[in-house]
């Protein structure tokens, strides 16, 4: 059996890792103690990584729909 990795697979795996790492780092530093400014930065980092992950998964499908209509 051959294992083929496409650019899409790598992008999806990379963004999943980004979400995991940003969440893990936020949890680690939250356990140590963070200021309100650090909490806001951590929330932005986690939400940003989730946004990137969703965009990577959704964007190609939307582009294909737009090409099909046009």
Protein backbone atom coordinates (compact mmCIF):
# COMPACT_ATOMS: atom_id res chain seq x y z
CA UNK A 1 0.00 0.00 0.00
CA UNK A 2 1.34 3.41 -0.99
CA UNK A 3 1.00 6.42 1.22
CA UNK A 4 0.61 9.63 -0.74
CA UNK A 5 0.76 12.94 1.04
CA UNK A 6 -0.71 15.85 -0.84
CA UNK A 7 -0.28 19.54 -0.16
CA UNK A 8 -3.82 19.57 1.20
CA UNK A 9 -3.00 16.79 3.68
CA UNK A 10 0.10 18.66 4.84
CA UNK A 11 -1.82 21.92 5.20
CA UNK A 12 -4.60 20.27 7.20
CA UNK A 13 -2.14 18.43 9.43
CA UNK A 14 -0.09 21.57 9.95
CA UNK A 15 -3.07 23.65 10.97
CA UNK A 16 -4.29 20.90 13.30
CA UNK A 17 -0.86 20.91 14.94
CA UNK A 18 -1.00 24.70 15.19
CA UNK A 19 -4.34 24.56 17.01
CA UNK A 20 -3.08 21.83 19.34
CA UNK A 21 0.17 23.63 20.16
CA UNK A 22 -1.43 27.02 20.74
CA UNK A 23 -4.02 25.43 23.04
CA UNK A 24 -1.39 23.42 24.89
CA UNK A 25 0.86 26.43 25.40
CA UNK A 26 -2.08 28.52 26.57
CA UNK A 27 -3.05 25.83 29.08
CA UNK A 28 0.52 25.53 30.31
CA UNK A 29 0.97 29.23 30.88
CA UNK A 30 -2.51 29.54 32.37
CA UNK A 31 -1.52 26.96 34.97
CA UNK A 32 1.55 29.01 35.84
CA UNK A 33 -0.42 32.26 35.99
CA UNK A 34 -1.05 34.96 33.44
CA UNK A 35 -1.98 38.63 33.51
CA UNK A 36 -5.16 39.82 31.76
CA UNK A 37 -3.11 41.09 28.83
CA UNK A 38 -1.49 37.68 28.45
CA UNK A 39 -4.92 36.04 28.62
CA UNK A 40 -6.13 38.27 25.78
CA UNK A 41 -3.05 37.45 23.70
CA UNK A 42 -3.53 33.74 24.32
CA UNK A 43 -7.20 33.94 23.34
CA UNK A 44 -6.29 35.75 20.12
CA UNK A 45 -3.62 33.14 19.34
CA UNK A 46 -6.01 30.23 19.86
CA UNK A 47 -8.84 31.85 17.90
CA UNK A 48 -6.42 32.82 15.14
CA UNK A 49 -5.12 29.28 14.79
CA UNK A 50 -8.68 27.93 14.70
CA UNK A 51 -9.55 30.50 12.02
CA UNK A 52 -6.59 29.39 9.90
CA UNK A 53 -7.56 25.73 10.31
CA UNK A 54 -11.15 26.40 9.26
CA UNK A 55 -10.02 28.53 6.31
CA UNK A 56 -7.71 25.79 5.06
CA UNK A 57 -10.53 23.26 5.15
CA UNK A 58 -13.31 25.49 3.77
CA UNK A 59 -11.61 27.75 1.25
CA UNK A 60 -10.87 25.20 -1.51
CA UNK A 61 -14.46 23.95 -1.47
CA UNK A 62 -15.81 27.48 -1.81
CA UNK A 63 -13.42 28.21 -4.69
CA UNK A 64 -14.55 25.06 -6.51
CA UNK A 65 -18.21 26.09 -6.11
CA UNK A 66 -17.47 29.57 -7.47
CA UNK A 67 -15.69 28.13 -10.51
CA UNK A 68 -18.57 25.75 -11.17
CA UNK A 69 -21.10 28.61 -11.14
CA UNK A 70 -18.98 30.98 -13.23
